[in-house]
Amino acid sequence: MVVFGNYVYSKPLKHIFAFSKKDLPLCFTKIQKYAKYGYLVGYVSYEAGLFALQEQKEHKKPLLEFILFKRRSPLLASSLKSKALFYPTLKQGLNEELYKHTFEKVKHHLKAGNTYQVNLTQEIHLQSHCEGLEIFKALLCMQDTDYKAYFKTPFVEIISLSPELFFKLKKDKITLEPMKGTIKRGENKQEDKKNKKNLKRDSKSISENIMIVDLLRNDISQIAKLHTLKIKSLLTIKTYPTLHQMVSKLQAKVPHKSLYEIFSALFPCGSITGAPKKSTMGIIQNLELRDRGVYCGAIGVITKNKARFNVPIRTLIRYQGEDFYRYGVGSGIVWDSKWEEEFKELQLKSQFLFPHNFKLLETILVRDNQAFLLSYHLKRLLKSAKDLGFDYPKILEDSYQSLKNPLDTLKNFEIFEPLLSKEGWESIPDTLLPFLKRDSNPSILRLLLGKEIFFEQIPYTPIYSHKVAFAKDYIHSHNDLLYHKTTLREHFKESFNQTIFDYIYSNEKGEITEGSRSNIVILKDNILLTPSKESGLLRGCMRQVLLDSKLIKERILWKKDILKAERIFCINSLRGIIEVTLNECKNTSN
């Protein structure tokens, strides 16, 4: 599936690509030739740079790549439905110290008069259990744009939610819409209106936008018909789900100009370089020390007498051989910019990837001033917070560091109830004690981490059943939040009653995953087995203890394995190890 704008493209006929700048003129000649036979969808990488600067260098990634498609059809809402849930793991985040350091270098260049504005960027690395097309569909539900794109080739996979038009061409009329100036959405209508008004009056944003408009006027004037260049609108505010942006619009006529001539005059877009373009691109190359690639290049579609390209911001890119997505993000720096505000803008522009519309959760068995497997719980919570981009108070890290895991290994696998054992209990650190009610009766501590941290204690109640049943619905292994304990639990649809302790779920392939409140262990051929984490499940603390003790092994399991198991166990850190049996009348096929 290849998407650009509101269309899906099919029936590929030709594949055009170039790894060297010397091949670009020939590629554009081919593109112009093939345009009358269908629709050419593709991209030009930022490293194609200023076309006028010739070089012989062979690049490792394509500078240009287009595929000719015979057909296109409207992108239907029904084709965008997906049961996958995208919430990425952050493998490399924004680097505040590095940003501050490079920002100061930009200021030196501004002071020396080497540049007037620099678009300084950083790159985030993300991983997900979702397929690329599933990610595209998920993000589209949160932030639809006119210039969206999904494009996958042997070289690269691109997921673009760019709101910025680079240029559109219709016969000889060209339109450009540079975007410069950003402010976050308000918490309510009144604050949102105020923020929008503040952006419209912000001298820095106005200065940045007008500077880029002047740069693009200079670029387009090289190929525009005399007296046809007009500024159709200046400093208009456009609103998106997480932010407001300042946009201007230029139009001109470019009769008898080839696509190569148009790109030579305009590429890359001034809104993602700065001004003046040539010298500023040199400064960027020396400061960022990485290739931008498709990010900040151009993605678009070309057909007979028409073309439309976005500026690939808000874009995820995964290159051949990589198991993560790159997400570039930047802002324009001028003389009166402050590094703290610019860094916040980078965070704001990344926000739609991490909506944080839920809380992280740990449920911990406590009694007096002790907690069961506390170090395991805090370790899991801290890892999830780091992976999912949650800020967390220092007391959590300090509390975890003060603990020494008392249950590194268990010697035997046997029915185990934490309240009847001395093993696994840890003294609650002094840093956490003020938040808890001390009680000799056992209780369950719910530790919730969102924008703030919350502690609540609920009574510990006995279980009334040792029966389990197969759930009617399945859970999708491409749900990134399955692998973290959160307050989002819609994937567990079965409701509990006193006759069933837990429901056993399978994934979309039929592989057993977990219960809705416990992990599953079976005895088969005298070996204790638990479903593989690759099937899609939460790695419970009790499960981790048993794996660390080498008492259980991971394996892909199926419903037939449960049905033929010699023994079945449910395990979690509240109840320990419970032997269960299948409730025959409740078993249903997926």
Protein backbone atom coordinates (compact mmCIF):
# COMPACT_ATOMS: atom_id res chain seq x y z
CA MET A 1 0.00 0.00 0.00
CA VAL A 2 1.46 3.36 -1.07
CA VAL A 3 -0.29 6.55 0.02
CA PHE A 4 0.17 10.22 -0.71
CA GLY A 5 -2.44 12.76 0.28
CA ASN A 6 -5.91 11.30 -0.03
CA TYR A 7 -5.04 8.62 -2.58
CA VAL A 8 -3.73 5.05 -2.63
CA TYR A 9 -1.45 4.13 -5.54
CA SER A 10 -1.31 0.68 -7.14
CA LYS A 11 0.01 -1.31 -10.12
CA PRO A 12 3.73 -0.35 -10.03
CA LEU A 13 5.40 -0.15 -13.46
CA LYS A 14 8.84 1.47 -13.06
CA HIS A 15 11.35 2.06 -10.25
CA ILE A 16 13.74 5.03 -10.53
CA PHE A 17 16.47 5.80 -8.01
CA ALA A 18 19.85 7.52 -7.73
CA PHE A 19 22.71 7.28 -5.22
CA SER A 20 24.81 10.06 -6.77
CA LYS A 21 24.09 13.70 -7.60
CA LYS A 22 25.51 13.27 -11.10
CA ASP A 23 22.59 10.90 -11.84
CA LEU A 24 19.86 13.34 -10.76
CA PRO A 25 19.41 15.14 -14.14
CA LEU A 26 18.88 11.82 -15.95
CA CYS A 27 16.44 10.60 -13.28
CA PHE A 28 14.37 13.77 -13.53
CA THR A 29 14.32 13.42 -17.33
CA LYS A 30 12.93 9.89 -16.91
CA ILE A 31 10.40 11.08 -14.33
CA GLN A 32 9.15 13.83 -16.65
CA LYS A 33 8.92 11.30 -19.50
CA TYR A 34 7.00 8.68 -17.49
CA ALA A 35 4.62 11.19 -15.86
CA LYS A 36 2.19 10.97 -18.80
CA TYR A 37 1.75 7.21 -18.19
CA GLY A 38 0.54 7.38 -14.58
CA TYR A 39 1.58 8.63 -11.16
CA LEU A 40 5.15 8.85 -9.86
CA VAL A 41 5.30 8.71 -6.06
CA GLY A 42 8.59 9.15 -4.23
CA TYR A 43 11.05 11.35 -2.41
CA VAL A 44 14.20 13.43 -2.72
CA SER A 45 16.58 13.23 0.26
CA TYR A 46 17.94 16.32 1.99
CA GLU A 47 21.49 15.21 1.03
CA ALA A 48 20.64 15.84 -2.64
CA GLY A 49 21.29 19.39 -1.40
CA LEU A 50 21.73 22.32 -3.71
CA PHE A 51 21.45 20.84 -7.19
CA ALA A 52 23.88 23.43 -8.57
CA LEU A 53 26.70 22.04 -6.39
CA GLN A 54 28.01 19.06 -8.32
CA GLU A 55 29.81 16.19 -6.58
CA GLN A 56 30.98 12.70 -7.49
CA LYS A 57 30.27 11.12 -4.11
CA GLU A 58 28.28 7.86 -4.07
CA HIS A 59 25.84 7.89 -1.12
CA LYS A 60 24.88 4.83 0.92
CA LYS A 61 21.18 5.72 0.80
CA PRO A 62 19.21 6.89 -2.27
CA LEU A 63 19.19 10.63 -2.92
CA LEU A 64 16.07 10.16 -5.01
CA GLU A 65 13.56 7.34 -5.40
CA PHE A 66 10.29 7.23 -7.34
CA ILE A 67 7.91 4.46 -8.41
CA LEU A 68 5.59 4.83 -11.39
CA PHE A 69 2.06 3.58 -10.64
CA LYS A 70 -0.60 2.93 -13.22
CA ARG A 71 -3.60 3.56 -10.95
CA ARG A 72 -4.77 5.51 -7.96
CA SER A 73 -7.96 5.36 -5.91
CA PRO A 74 -9.38 7.38 -3.02
CA LEU A 75 -8.06 6.54 0.45
CA LEU A 76 -11.11 5.13 2.24
CA ALA A 77 -11.66 5.42 5.98
CA SER A 78 -12.54 1.71 6.08
CA SER A 79 -9.03 0.82 4.89
CA LEU A 80 -7.49 2.64 7.87
CA LYS A 81 -8.98 0.43 10.59
CA SER A 82 -6.46 -1.55 12.64
CA LYS A 83 -6.51 -3.52 15.89
CA ALA A 84 -2.85 -2.75 16.51
CA LEU A 85 -2.01 -0.10 19.11
CA PHE A 86 1.04 2.07 18.45
CA TYR A 87 2.91 3.46 21.42
CA PRO A 88 6.64 3.38 20.70
CA THR A 89 9.60 2.59 22.92
CA LEU A 90 12.08 5.45 23.07
CA LYS A 91 15.55 4.09 22.24
CA GLN A 92 17.21 7.48 21.77
CA GLY A 93 15.55 10.64 23.02
CA LEU A 94 16.25 14.33 22.64
CA ASN A 95 19.64 15.31 24.08
CA GLU A 96 19.26 18.55 26.05
CA GLU A 97 22.96 19.03 26.81
CA LEU A 98 23.98 18.44 23.19
CA TYR A 99 21.25 20.82 22.01
CA LYS A 100 22.44 23.56 24.38
CA HIS A 101 26.03 23.08 23.14
CA THR A 102 25.14 23.27 19.42
CA PHE A 103 22.72 26.15 20.07
CA GLU A 104 25.61 28.22 21.48
CA LYS A 105 27.62 27.48 18.32
CA VAL A 106 24.72 28.68 16.20
CA LYS A 107 24.67 31.91 18.24
CA HIS A 108 28.37 32.47 17.44
CA HIS A 109 27.60 32.12 13.71
CA LEU A 110 24.69 34.56 14.04
CA LYS A 111 26.91 37.06 15.86
CA ALA A 112 29.61 36.73 13.19
CA GLY A 113 27.05 37.40 10.44
CA ASN A 114 27.55 33.98 8.80
CA THR A 115 23.79 33.35 8.88
CA TYR A 116 20.52 35.03 9.87
CA GLN A 117 18.57 31.93 10.80
CA VAL A 118 19.50 28.24 11.33
CA ASN A 119 17.05 25.36 11.48
CA LEU A 120 18.78 23.14 14.05
CA THR A 121 17.49 19.57 14.41
CA GLN A 122 17.91 16.43 16.49
CA GLU A 123 16.85 12.84 15.87
CA ILE A 124 14.80 10.50 18.04
CA HIS A 125 15.00 6.70 17.62
CA LEU A 126 11.83 4.65 18.22
CA GLN A 127 10.91 0.96 18.22
CA SER A 128 7.49 -0.65 17.99
CA HIS A 129 5.88 -4.08 17.77
CA CYS A 130 3.59 -2.63 15.06
CA GLU A 131 4.15 -2.92 11.32
CA GLY A 132 4.84 0.35 9.50
CA LEU A 133 1.42 0.50 7.86
CA GLU A 134 -0.21 -0.07 11.26
CA ILE A 135 1.79 2.85 12.66
CA PHE A 136 0.66 5.05 9.76
CA LYS A 137 -2.98 4.16 10.39
CA ALA A 138 -2.68 4.73 14.14
CA LEU A 139 -1.03 8.16 13.77
CA LEU A 140 -3.51 9.17 11.10
CA CYS A 141 -6.33 8.74 13.62
CA MET A 142 -4.61 11.30 15.86
CA GLN A 143 -3.30 13.76 13.26
CA ASP A 144 -4.61 13.64 9.70
CA THR A 145 -2.90 16.00 7.24
CA ASP A 146 -3.31 16.93 3.57
CA TYR A 147 0.22 15.80 2.71
CA LYS A 148 0.40 12.47 4.54
CA ALA A 149 2.40 9.65 2.98
CA TYR A 150 3.16 5.97 3.41
CA PHE A 151 5.88 4.61 1.15
CA LYS A 152 7.85 1.36 1.41
CA THR A 153 10.62 0.19 -0.91
CA PRO A 154 13.62 -2.16 -0.60
CA PHE A 155 15.62 0.86 0.62
CA VAL A 156 13.33 2.65 3.07
CA GLU A 157 9.96 2.79 4.81
CA ILE A 158 8.42 6.26 5.25
CA ILE A 159 5.50 7.26 7.50
CA SER A 160 4.83 10.96 7.03
CA LEU A 161 2.19 13.09 8.73
CA SER A 162 3.66 16.33 7.40
CA PRO A 163 1.34 19.35 7.47
CA GLU A 164 3.72 21.49 5.36
CA LEU A 165 3.41 21.97 1.60
CA PHE A 166 6.76 22.41 -0.15
CA PHE A 167 5.20 23.25 -3.51
CA LYS A 168 2.34 22.26 -5.77
CA LEU A 169 2.44 22.71 -9.51
CA LYS A 170 -0.57 22.86 -11.83
CA LYS A 171 0.43 23.45 -15.45
CA ASP A 172 2.59 26.59 -15.08
CA LYS A 173 1.26 27.86 -11.71
CA ILE A 174 3.36 27.06 -8.64
CA THR A 175 2.31 27.53 -5.00
CA LEU A 176 4.57 27.40 -1.92
CA GLU A 177 3.43 27.42 1.72
CA PRO A 178 6.37 27.81 4.14
CA MET A 179 5.63 27.04 7.79
CA LYS A 180 7.54 28.86 10.53
CA GLY A 181 6.36 29.77 14.04
CA THR A 182 4.90 27.34 16.58
CA ILE A 183 2.93 27.41 19.84
CA LYS A 184 1.22 24.63 21.79
CA ARG A 185 -2.56 24.18 21.99
CA GLY A 186 -4.27 25.44 25.15
CA GLU A 187 -5.75 23.27 27.89
CA ASN A 188 -9.18 24.84 27.27
CA LYS A 189 -10.89 27.00 24.63
CA GLN A 190 -9.99 30.25 26.34
CA GLU A 191 -6.30 29.37 26.71
CA ASP A 192 -6.21 27.97 23.15
CA LYS A 193 -7.58 31.23 21.77
CA LYS A 194 -5.04 33.18 23.83
CA ASN A 195 -2.13 31.03 22.57
CA LYS A 196 -3.26 31.51 18.99
CA LYS A 197 -3.37 35.28 19.49
CA ASN A 198 0.06 35.25 21.16
CA LEU A 199 1.56 33.39 18.18
CA LYS A 200 0.10 35.92 15.77
CA ARG A 201 1.75 38.74 17.76
CA ASP A 202 5.04 36.98 18.55
CA SER A 203 7.85 39.10 17.10
CA LYS A 204 10.29 36.17 16.94
CA SER A 205 7.86 33.94 14.99
CA ILE A 206 6.95 36.81 12.67
CA SER A 207 10.65 37.53 12.07
CA GLU A 208 11.40 33.84 11.30
CA ASN A 209 8.45 33.47 8.95
CA ILE A 210 9.13 36.65 6.98
CA MET A 211 12.82 35.74 6.70
CA ILE A 212 11.89 32.41 5.06
CA VAL A 213 9.29 34.07 2.83
CA ASP A 214 12.03 36.41 1.58
CA LEU A 215 14.34 33.43 0.99
CA LEU A 216 11.67 31.59 -1.02
CA ARG A 217 10.85 34.74 -2.99
CA ASN A 218 14.50 34.87 -3.97
CA ASP A 219 14.51 31.15 -4.88
CA ILE A 220 11.36 31.21 -6.98
CA SER A 221 12.27 34.45 -8.73
CA GLN A 222 15.08 32.57 -10.51
CA ILE A 223 12.51 30.66 -12.60
CA ALA A 224 9.27 32.70 -12.27
CA LYS A 225 7.81 34.70 -15.14
CA LEU A 226 8.40 38.40 -14.57
CA HIS A 227 5.77 40.18 -12.43
CA THR A 228 3.86 36.96 -11.61
CA LEU A 229 5.32 36.34 -8.14
CA LYS A 230 2.78 37.24 -5.45
CA ILE A 231 2.41 36.73 -1.70
CA LYS A 232 -1.15 35.41 -1.44
CA SER A 233 -1.22 35.33 2.38
CA LEU A 234 1.21 36.23 5.14
CA LEU A 235 1.46 34.93 8.72
CA THR A 236 -1.77 32.90 8.73
CA ILE A 237 -2.32 30.62 11.74
CA LYS A 238 -3.17 26.96 11.09
CA THR A 239 -4.33 24.69 13.91
CA TYR A 240 -3.38 21.04 14.46
CA PRO A 241 -4.22 18.61 17.31
CA THR A 242 -1.21 19.51 19.49
CA LEU A 243 -0.05 22.91 18.18
CA HIS A 244 -0.71 26.07 16.16
CA GLN A 245 1.63 26.97 13.27
CA MET A 246 2.26 30.17 11.29
CA VAL A 247 2.01 29.75 7.52
CA SER A 248 2.47 32.04 4.51
CA LYS A 249 1.61 31.43 0.85
CA LEU A 250 3.46 32.44 -2.32
CA GLN A 251 2.38 31.94 -5.95
CA ALA A 252 4.05 32.47 -9.31
CA LYS A 253 3.99 31.28 -12.92
CA VAL A 254 6.86 29.12 -14.18
CA PRO A 255 6.13 28.49 -17.88
CA HIS A 256 8.28 25.97 -19.78
CA LYS A 257 10.26 24.95 -16.69
CA SER A 258 11.18 21.31 -16.14
CA LEU A 259 10.95 19.59 -12.76
CA TYR A 260 14.74 19.51 -12.59
CA GLU A 261 14.87 23.29 -13.04
CA ILE A 262 12.19 23.78 -10.37
CA PHE A 263 14.02 21.57 -7.86
CA SER A 264 17.33 23.24 -8.73
CA ALA A 265 15.84 26.61 -7.80
CA LEU A 266 13.87 25.61 -4.70
CA PHE A 267 15.37 22.51 -3.06
CA PRO A 268 15.70 22.03 -0.16
CA CYS A 269 12.89 24.16 1.23
CA GLY A 270 14.19 27.23 3.07
CA SER A 271 11.94 26.60 6.08
CA ILE A 272 14.12 23.65 7.11
CA THR A 273 17.51 25.18 6.31
CA GLY A 274 17.55 28.83 7.31
CA ALA A 275 18.94 31.88 5.54
CA PRO A 276 21.01 32.43 3.51
CA LYS A 277 20.52 28.88 2.30
CA LYS A 278 23.94 27.86 0.98
CA SER A 279 26.10 29.04 3.90
CA THR A 280 23.53 27.92 6.48
CA MET A 281 23.43 24.39 5.05
CA GLY A 282 27.21 24.25 5.54
CA ILE A 283 26.80 25.32 9.18
CA ILE A 284 24.09 22.66 9.70
CA GLN A 285 26.31 19.93 8.24
CA ASN A 286 29.17 20.83 10.60
CA LEU A 287 26.92 21.02 13.69
CA GLU A 288 24.51 18.08 13.27
CA LEU A 289 27.15 15.53 12.16
CA ARG A 290 24.56 13.19 10.64
CA ASP A 291 22.58 12.78 7.43
CA ARG A 292 19.00 14.01 7.60
CA GLY A 293 18.00 11.65 4.80
CA VAL A 294 14.35 11.80 3.75
CA TYR A 295 13.65 14.09 6.73
CA CYS A 296 13.69 17.72 5.49
CA GLY A 297 13.88 16.56 1.85
CA ALA A 298 10.66 16.28 -0.18
CA ILE A 299 7.98 13.58 -0.59
CA GLY A 300 5.37 13.82 -3.29
CA VAL A 301 3.53 12.75 -6.41
CA ILE A 302 4.07 13.75 -10.05
CA THR A 303 1.69 13.27 -12.95
CA LYS A 304 1.14 14.96 -16.31
CA ASN A 305 1.15 18.77 -15.80
CA LYS A 306 0.84 18.38 -12.01
CA ALA A 307 3.07 17.82 -8.99
CA ARG A 308 2.68 18.13 -5.24
CA PHE A 309 5.40 17.77 -2.59
CA ASN A 310 5.48 18.06 1.18
CA VAL A 311 8.36 19.00 3.45
CA PRO A 312 8.95 15.75 5.41
CA ILE A 313 8.58 16.98 8.97
CA ARG A 314 6.52 14.90 11.49
CA THR A 315 7.96 11.91 9.60
CA LEU A 316 9.15 8.47 10.73
CA ILE A 317 11.81 6.79 8.58
CA ARG A 318 13.23 3.28 8.78
CA TYR A 319 16.12 2.42 6.47
CA GLN A 320 17.05 -1.02 5.15
CA GLY A 321 18.74 -3.14 7.83
CA GLU A 322 17.55 -1.01 10.77
CA ASP A 323 15.12 -2.21 13.46
CA PHE A 324 14.09 1.28 14.58
CA TYR A 325 12.44 4.40 13.17
CA ARG A 326 14.14 7.78 12.97
CA TYR A 327 12.13 10.90 13.80
CA GLY A 328 13.80 14.24 13.12
CA VAL A 329 12.61 17.40 14.81
CA GLY A 330 13.91 20.97 14.74
CA SER A 331 13.24 24.67 15.08
CA GLY A 332 14.49 27.93 13.58
CA ILE A 333 17.08 29.84 15.62
CA VAL A 334 17.50 33.59 15.23
CA TRP A 335 19.46 36.10 17.30
CA ASP A 336 16.80 36.60 20.00
CA SER A 337 16.10 32.84 20.40
CA LYS A 338 16.55 31.24 23.83
CA TRP A 339 17.79 27.65 23.93
CA GLU A 340 15.28 26.59 26.63
CA GLU A 341 12.32 27.76 24.51
CA GLU A 342 13.69 26.16 21.34
CA PHE A 343 14.25 22.83 23.10
CA LYS A 344 10.66 22.95 24.41
CA GLU A 345 9.53 23.44 20.81
CA LEU A 346 11.33 20.21 19.84
CA GLN A 347 9.52 18.42 22.67
CA LEU A 348 6.19 19.90 21.57
CA LYS A 349 6.68 18.75 17.97
CA SER A 350 7.37 15.20 19.22
CA GLN A 351 4.37 15.15 21.55
CA PHE A 352 1.88 13.55 19.15
CA LEU A 353 3.99 10.34 19.23
CA PHE A 354 3.61 10.12 23.03
CA PRO A 355 0.11 11.31 23.98
CA HIS A 356 0.36 9.92 27.58
CA ASN A 357 -3.41 9.37 27.73
CA PHE A 358 -2.93 6.75 30.43
CA LYS A 359 -0.91 6.08 33.59
CA LEU A 360 1.73 3.48 34.34
CA LEU A 361 0.60 1.10 37.07
CA GLU A 362 2.08 -1.31 39.60
CA THR A 363 0.01 -3.37 42.05
CA ILE A 364 2.15 -4.41 45.02
CA LEU A 365 1.34 -6.62 48.00
CA VAL A 366 2.20 -4.78 51.26
CA ARG A 367 2.02 -5.62 54.96
CA ASP A 368 3.32 -3.52 57.84
CA ASN A 369 6.37 -1.75 56.40
CA GLN A 370 7.21 -4.49 53.90
CA ALA A 371 6.34 -5.11 50.24
CA PHE A 372 6.57 -8.31 48.19
CA LEU A 373 8.98 -8.20 45.21
CA LEU A 374 9.20 -4.41 45.53
CA SER A 375 12.52 -4.19 43.66
CA TYR A 376 11.06 -6.13 40.71
CA HIS A 377 8.04 -3.78 40.59
CA LEU A 378 10.11 -0.59 40.77
CA LYS A 379 12.56 -1.89 38.15
CA ARG A 380 9.68 -2.61 35.75
CA LEU A 381 8.03 0.75 36.43
CA LEU A 382 11.25 2.70 35.84
CA LYS A 383 11.96 0.80 32.61
CA SER A 384 8.46 1.50 31.28
CA ALA A 385 8.78 5.18 32.25
CA LYS A 386 12.05 5.48 30.32
CA ASP A 387 10.79 3.47 27.34
CA LEU A 388 7.54 5.44 27.01
CA GLY A 389 8.92 8.89 27.75
CA PHE A 390 7.34 9.45 31.19
CA ASP A 391 8.99 11.84 33.63
CA TYR A 392 9.28 10.34 37.10
CA PRO A 393 10.24 11.71 40.53
CA LYS A 394 13.74 11.06 41.86
CA ILE A 395 12.33 9.17 44.87
CA LEU A 396 11.46 6.22 42.59
CA GLU A 397 15.04 5.84 41.35
CA ASP A 398 16.42 6.41 44.87
CA SER A 399 14.02 3.85 46.33
CA TYR A 400 14.97 1.23 43.76
CA GLN A 401 18.70 1.81 44.26
CA SER A 402 18.33 1.38 48.03
CA LEU A 403 16.84 -2.12 47.64
CA LYS A 404 18.69 -5.39 47.37
CA ASN A 405 16.73 -8.07 45.57
CA PRO A 406 16.13 -10.78 48.21
CA LEU A 407 14.67 -13.33 45.81
CA ASP A 408 17.30 -13.70 43.12
CA THR A 409 16.42 -17.36 42.71
CA LEU A 410 13.94 -19.96 43.91
CA LYS A 411 15.12 -23.53 44.34
CA ASN A 412 11.85 -25.29 43.52
CA PHE A 413 8.65 -24.64 41.63
CA GLU A 414 5.80 -25.33 44.05
CA ILE A 415 2.48 -23.87 45.13
CA PHE A 416 3.51 -20.58 46.66
CA GLU A 417 1.50 -17.96 48.55
CA PRO A 418 3.44 -14.78 49.42
CA LEU A 419 1.51 -14.14 52.67
CA LEU A 420 2.60 -17.55 54.00
CA SER A 421 6.26 -17.10 53.06
CA LYS A 422 9.17 -15.08 54.37
CA GLU A 423 10.90 -15.04 50.98
CA GLY A 424 10.57 -12.09 48.62
CA TRP A 425 9.54 -9.50 51.22
CA GLU A 426 11.51 -6.24 51.31
CA SER A 427 11.47 -3.34 53.74
CA ILE A 428 9.81 -0.33 52.16
CA PRO A 429 12.42 2.47 51.81
CA ASP A 430 12.04 5.54 54.02
CA THR A 431 11.52 7.60 50.86
CA LEU A 432 8.21 5.80 50.19
CA LEU A 433 6.91 5.17 53.73
CA PRO A 434 5.29 8.64 54.14
CA PHE A 435 2.93 7.83 51.24
CA LEU A 436 1.63 4.58 52.77
CA LYS A 437 -0.71 3.58 55.58
CA ARG A 438 1.02 1.16 57.90
CA ASP A 439 -1.25 -1.80 58.64
CA SER A 440 -0.56 -5.30 59.93
CA ASN A 441 -3.32 -6.56 57.63
CA PRO A 442 -2.21 -7.13 54.04
CA SER A 443 -3.30 -4.64 51.41
CA ILE A 444 -2.65 -3.93 47.75
CA LEU A 445 -0.68 -0.79 46.94
CA ARG A 446 -1.60 0.75 43.58
CA LEU A 447 1.29 2.93 42.40
CA LEU A 448 0.23 5.12 39.46
CA LEU A 449 2.59 7.30 37.43
CA GLY A 450 1.25 9.95 35.08
CA LYS A 451 2.06 13.65 35.13
CA GLU A 452 2.37 13.08 38.89
CA ILE A 453 2.79 10.01 41.08
CA PHE A 454 -0.16 8.62 43.09
CA PHE A 455 -0.32 6.02 45.85
CA GLU A 456 -3.52 4.29 46.90
CA GLN A 457 -4.14 1.23 49.05
CA ILE A 458 -7.06 -1.16 48.65
CA PRO A 459 -7.98 -4.19 50.78
CA TYR A 460 -6.47 -7.56 49.97
CA THR A 461 -9.32 -10.00 49.40
CA PRO A 462 -9.15 -13.81 49.19
CA ILE A 463 -9.83 -15.58 45.90
CA TYR A 464 -12.98 -17.69 45.58
CA SER A 465 -12.09 -19.83 42.58
CA HIS A 466 -9.27 -21.88 41.12
CA LYS A 467 -10.97 -22.13 37.73
CA VAL A 468 -9.84 -20.55 34.45
CA ALA A 469 -11.49 -20.29 31.05
CA PHE A 470 -10.49 -19.31 27.53
CA ALA A 471 -11.47 -15.73 26.63
CA LYS A 472 -13.85 -15.25 23.71
CA ASP A 473 -11.83 -12.36 22.22
CA TYR A 474 -8.19 -12.32 21.22
CA ILE A 475 -5.56 -9.68 21.91
CA HIS A 476 -3.32 -8.27 19.17
CA SER A 477 0.40 -8.87 19.63
CA HIS A 478 1.04 -5.59 17.74
CA ASN A 479 -0.24 -3.64 20.74
CA ASP A 480 2.80 -1.83 22.13
CA LEU A 481 1.17 -1.32 25.54
CA LEU A 482 0.69 -5.07 26.11
CA TYR A 483 4.31 -5.13 27.15
CA HIS A 484 3.83 -2.50 29.88
CA LYS A 485 1.45 -2.39 32.84
CA THR A 486 -0.83 0.61 32.33
CA THR A 487 -4.35 1.81 33.12
CA LEU A 488 -5.34 1.09 29.48
CA ARG A 489 -6.78 -2.41 29.68
CA GLU A 490 -9.50 -2.42 27.02
CA HIS A 491 -7.85 -5.43 25.37
CA PHE A 492 -9.03 -7.55 28.33
CA LYS A 493 -12.75 -7.62 27.65
CA GLU A 494 -13.95 -10.46 29.86
CA SER A 495 -15.51 -9.43 33.18
CA PHE A 496 -14.69 -11.35 36.35
CA ASN A 497 -17.08 -13.26 38.56
CA GLN A 498 -16.64 -15.46 41.63
CA THR A 499 -16.61 -18.68 39.59
CA ILE A 500 -13.64 -17.75 37.39
CA PHE A 501 -10.23 -16.68 38.71
CA ASP A 502 -8.85 -15.66 35.30
CA TYR A 503 -9.43 -15.76 31.55
CA ILE A 504 -6.70 -17.06 29.25
CA TYR A 505 -6.15 -14.97 26.11
CA SER A 506 -4.66 -15.81 22.72
CA ASN A 507 -3.25 -13.46 20.09
CA GLU A 508 -4.36 -12.99 16.46
CA LYS A 509 -2.31 -16.04 15.42
CA GLY A 510 -3.88 -18.30 18.05
CA GLU A 511 -0.81 -18.31 20.32
CA ILE A 512 -1.52 -18.32 24.06
CA THR A 513 -0.43 -15.05 25.70
CA GLU A 514 -1.53 -14.50 29.31
CA GLY A 515 -4.42 -14.21 31.70
CA SER A 516 -5.97 -10.82 32.31
CA ARG A 517 -4.40 -10.70 35.78
CA SER A 518 -1.77 -13.44 35.77
CA ASN A 519 0.83 -15.16 33.65
CA ILE A 520 0.29 -18.79 32.65
CA VAL A 521 2.55 -21.78 33.33
CA ILE A 522 1.84 -25.35 32.24
CA LEU A 523 3.51 -28.66 33.01
CA LYS A 524 4.05 -30.61 29.80
CA ASP A 525 6.32 -33.66 29.39
CA ASN A 526 7.74 -32.89 32.84
CA ILE A 527 8.83 -29.37 31.71
CA LEU A 528 7.33 -26.14 33.08
CA LEU A 529 6.50 -23.81 30.18
CA THR A 530 5.23 -20.24 29.94
CA PRO A 531 4.12 -18.39 26.78
CA SER A 532 6.87 -16.54 24.89
CA LYS A 533 7.02 -12.77 25.34
CA GLU A 534 7.03 -12.51 21.53
CA SER A 535 3.39 -13.66 21.54
CA GLY A 536 2.43 -10.40 23.28
CA LEU A 537 2.21 -10.25 27.07
CA LEU A 538 3.15 -8.38 30.21
CA ARG A 539 6.28 -9.77 31.82
CA GLY A 540 4.97 -10.22 35.35
CA CYS A 541 7.27 -9.92 38.35
CA MET A 542 6.56 -13.47 39.59
CA ARG A 543 7.16 -14.79 36.06
CA GLN A 544 10.50 -12.98 35.98
CA VAL A 545 11.55 -14.51 39.31
CA LEU A 546 10.81 -18.00 37.97
CA LEU A 547 12.67 -17.30 34.71
CA ASP A 548 15.66 -15.91 36.64
CA SER A 549 15.58 -19.07 38.77
CA LYS A 550 15.58 -21.18 35.56
CA LEU A 551 12.51 -23.05 36.84
CA ILE A 552 10.34 -22.28 33.79
CA LYS A 553 11.07 -21.92 30.07
CA GLU A 554 9.52 -19.68 27.44
CA ARG A 555 7.86 -21.35 24.47
CA ILE A 556 5.15 -20.52 21.95
CA LEU A 557 2.05 -22.29 23.26
CA TRP A 558 -1.33 -23.02 21.68
CA LYS A 559 -4.79 -23.79 23.00
CA LYS A 560 -4.16 -27.51 22.46
CA ASP A 561 -1.13 -27.26 24.79
CA ILE A 562 -3.36 -25.92 27.57
CA LEU A 563 -5.98 -28.59 26.94
CA LYS A 564 -3.38 -31.39 27.07
CA ALA A 565 -1.33 -29.94 29.92
CA GLU A 566 -0.62 -32.18 32.89
CA ARG A 567 -1.04 -29.21 35.25
CA ILE A 568 -1.91 -25.50 34.79
CA PHE A 569 -0.79 -22.63 37.00
CA CYS A 570 -1.62 -18.93 37.24
CA ILE A 571 1.20 -16.80 38.67
CA ASN A 572 1.42 -13.19 39.83
CA SER A 573 3.06 -11.26 42.67
CA LEU A 574 -0.19 -10.81 44.63
CA ARG A 575 -1.25 -14.47 44.77
CA GLY A 576 2.02 -16.28 44.07
CA ILE A 577 1.72 -19.64 42.27
CA ILE A 578 -1.82 -21.04 42.06
CA GLU A 579 -2.75 -24.35 40.48
CA VAL A 580 -5.93 -23.99 38.41
CA THR A 581 -8.22 -26.14 36.29
CA LEU A 582 -10.20 -25.37 33.16
CA ASN A 583 -13.85 -24.54 33.69
CA GLU A 584 -15.25 -26.70 30.89
CA CYS A 585 -18.59 -24.94 30.48
CA LYS A 586 -16.84 -21.59 30.07
CA ASN A 587 -14.30 -22.65 27.44
CA THR A 588 -14.86 -21.04 24.06
CA SER A 589 -12.90 -21.04 20.83
CA ASN A 590 -11.24 -17.83 19.71
